[in-house]
Amino acid sequence: MNDSKSLPDHQSFYAMGIEERKEREKLARREAIRGSAREFFFGKGFSATTMNEIAKKAELSKGALYLYFASKEELYVSVMSEGLSIFFERTEAINRVKSLSLTFDILQDHTHVTHTATPKRLSNPEGGNKFCFKYFIN
């Protein structure tokens, strides 16, 4: 005996799979657009970049591009917001490492605790305190 309330019928089960696939594809296209835009915005600058170039690189029509982003400005804000999110996540991680290192230093100074490794402070590979979104997005 099949309890129809406990298991979805074949058609609704199939429809759920299709909807999930469509959502994954939509997110993948949106990310492909952002990735293409990122290359052009960082390579050529905002003003010199066209939506046609981004659409071609993302392998979409220009019209399809506008289904995901209403304007070039909206797409730019999306790319920059993503970059800022990554920047802040990494800044928080660096601060946690610095805090942990400081904690180890204090423990070592005041309780004579020995340890085999102390987390090293992170530094810019080129030296100095410059930050560039390209480091955080690429």
Protein backbone atom coordinates (compact mmCIF):
# COMPACT_ATOMS: atom_id res chain seq x y z
CA MET A 1 0.00 0.00 0.00
CA ASN A 2 1.39 3.36 -1.00
CA ASP A 3 0.74 6.29 1.33
CA SER A 4 0.36 9.21 -1.10
CA LYS A 5 1.01 11.78 1.65
CA SER A 6 4.44 10.44 2.56
CA LEU A 7 5.96 10.19 -0.94
CA PRO A 8 5.68 12.69 -3.77
CA ASP A 9 4.23 11.37 -6.99
CA HIS A 10 6.55 10.83 -9.94
CA GLN A 11 5.60 14.07 -11.71
CA SER A 12 6.09 16.37 -8.73
CA PHE A 13 9.36 14.62 -7.85
CA TYR A 14 10.57 15.16 -11.43
CA ALA A 15 9.42 18.81 -11.36
CA MET A 16 11.40 19.45 -8.16
CA GLY A 17 14.53 18.14 -9.87
CA ILE A 18 13.97 20.40 -12.87
CA GLU A 19 13.42 23.46 -10.68
CA GLU A 20 16.60 22.77 -8.71
CA ARG A 21 18.58 22.32 -11.93
CA LYS A 22 17.18 25.56 -13.37
CA GLU A 23 18.13 27.43 -10.21
CA ARG A 24 21.70 26.01 -10.31
CA GLU A 25 22.00 26.97 -13.98
CA LYS A 26 20.72 30.48 -13.26
CA LEU A 27 23.28 30.94 -10.49
CA ALA A 28 26.04 29.57 -12.74
CA ARG A 29 25.11 32.01 -15.53
CA ARG A 30 25.04 34.90 -13.07
CA GLU A 31 28.51 33.95 -11.84
CA ALA A 32 29.78 33.58 -15.42
CA ILE A 33 28.53 37.09 -16.16
CA ARG A 34 30.23 38.48 -13.04
CA GLY A 35 33.45 36.66 -13.92
CA SER A 36 33.46 38.07 -17.43
CA ALA A 37 32.62 41.55 -16.18
CA ARG A 38 35.36 41.35 -13.56
CA GLU A 39 37.96 40.65 -16.27
CA PHE A 40 36.87 43.64 -18.35
CA PHE A 41 36.33 46.05 -15.45
CA PHE A 42 39.77 45.32 -14.01
CA GLY A 43 41.45 45.11 -17.41
CA LYS A 44 39.89 48.05 -19.26
CA GLY A 45 38.07 50.00 -16.59
CA PHE A 46 34.37 50.63 -16.13
CA SER A 47 33.92 53.28 -18.83
CA ALA A 48 35.75 51.37 -21.57
CA THR A 49 33.87 48.12 -20.91
CA THR A 50 30.69 47.38 -22.88
CA MET A 51 27.85 45.04 -22.11
CA ASN A 52 28.38 43.50 -25.57
CA GLU A 53 31.92 42.44 -24.59
CA ILE A 54 30.72 40.97 -21.31
CA ALA A 55 27.86 39.11 -23.00
CA LYS A 56 30.18 37.67 -25.66
CA LYS A 57 32.73 36.53 -23.06
CA ALA A 58 29.94 34.95 -20.94
CA GLU A 59 28.57 33.27 -24.10
CA LEU A 60 25.16 34.92 -23.71
CA SER A 61 23.18 37.34 -25.79
CA LYS A 62 23.14 40.96 -24.67
CA GLY A 63 19.41 40.59 -23.97
CA ALA A 64 20.05 37.61 -21.70
CA LEU A 65 22.62 39.66 -19.82
CA TYR A 66 19.93 42.22 -19.00
CA LEU A 67 17.73 39.47 -17.53
CA TYR A 68 20.36 39.09 -14.79
CA PHE A 69 21.54 42.69 -14.38
CA ALA A 70 19.42 45.73 -15.25
CA SER A 71 22.42 47.88 -16.19
CA LYS A 72 26.20 47.97 -16.43
CA GLU A 73 26.21 49.98 -13.21
CA GLU A 74 24.26 47.27 -11.38
CA LEU A 75 26.69 44.64 -12.66
CA TYR A 76 29.65 46.77 -11.55
CA VAL A 77 28.17 47.19 -8.07
CA SER A 78 27.67 43.42 -7.88
CA VAL A 79 31.31 42.77 -8.82
CA MET A 80 32.60 45.37 -6.37
CA SER A 81 30.31 44.13 -3.58
CA GLU A 82 31.66 40.63 -4.10
CA GLY A 83 35.20 41.99 -3.90
CA LEU A 84 34.47 43.92 -0.72
CA SER A 85 32.91 40.84 0.88
CA ILE A 86 36.03 38.81 0.10
CA PHE A 87 38.24 41.64 1.36
CA PHE A 88 36.38 41.86 4.67
CA GLU A 89 36.36 38.07 5.14
CA ARG A 90 40.11 37.94 4.63
CA THR A 91 40.68 40.95 6.86
CA GLU A 92 38.75 39.19 9.63
CA ALA A 93 40.84 36.05 9.10
CA ILE A 94 44.06 38.10 9.32
CA ASN A 95 42.82 39.74 12.51
CA ARG A 96 42.03 36.33 14.01
CA VAL A 97 45.56 35.14 13.17
CA LYS A 98 47.07 38.32 14.64
CA SER A 99 44.94 37.93 17.76
CA LEU A 100 45.95 34.29 18.10
CA SER A 101 49.61 35.21 17.64
CA LEU A 102 49.33 37.94 20.26
CA THR A 103 47.68 35.47 22.65
CA PHE A 104 50.54 33.01 22.14
CA ASP A 105 53.06 35.81 22.71
CA ILE A 106 51.36 36.83 25.97
CA LEU A 107 51.16 33.22 27.16
CA GLN A 108 54.81 32.69 26.36
CA ASP A 109 55.90 35.89 28.13
CA HIS A 110 53.82 35.41 31.28
CA THR A 111 53.55 31.68 31.83
CA HIS A 112 56.69 30.44 30.10
CA VAL A 113 54.64 28.17 27.87
CA THR A 114 56.64 26.75 25.02
CA HIS A 115 55.10 25.92 21.74
CA THR A 116 56.41 24.49 18.50
CA ALA A 117 54.82 26.97 16.11
CA THR A 118 53.41 30.46 16.33
CA PRO A 119 51.10 31.64 13.57
CA LYS A 120 52.99 34.10 11.41
CA ARG A 121 51.59 37.49 10.69
CA LEU A 122 50.39 37.76 7.11
CA SER A 123 51.95 40.35 4.84
CA ASN A 124 51.43 41.66 1.35
CA PRO A 125 53.59 39.58 -1.06
CA GLU A 126 54.79 42.77 -2.75
CA GLY A 127 55.64 44.44 0.55
CA GLY A 128 54.03 47.45 2.13
CA ASN A 129 50.40 47.86 3.01
CA LYS A 130 48.85 48.12 -0.46
CA PHE A 131 45.67 46.21 -1.15
CA CYS A 132 44.19 45.48 -4.53
CA PHE A 133 40.88 43.78 -5.30
CA LYS A 134 42.64 41.61 -7.87
CA TYR A 135 44.40 39.77 -5.03
CA PHE A 136 41.10 38.96 -3.40
CA ILE A 137 38.98 38.11 -6.41
CA ASN A 138 41.22 36.21 -8.82
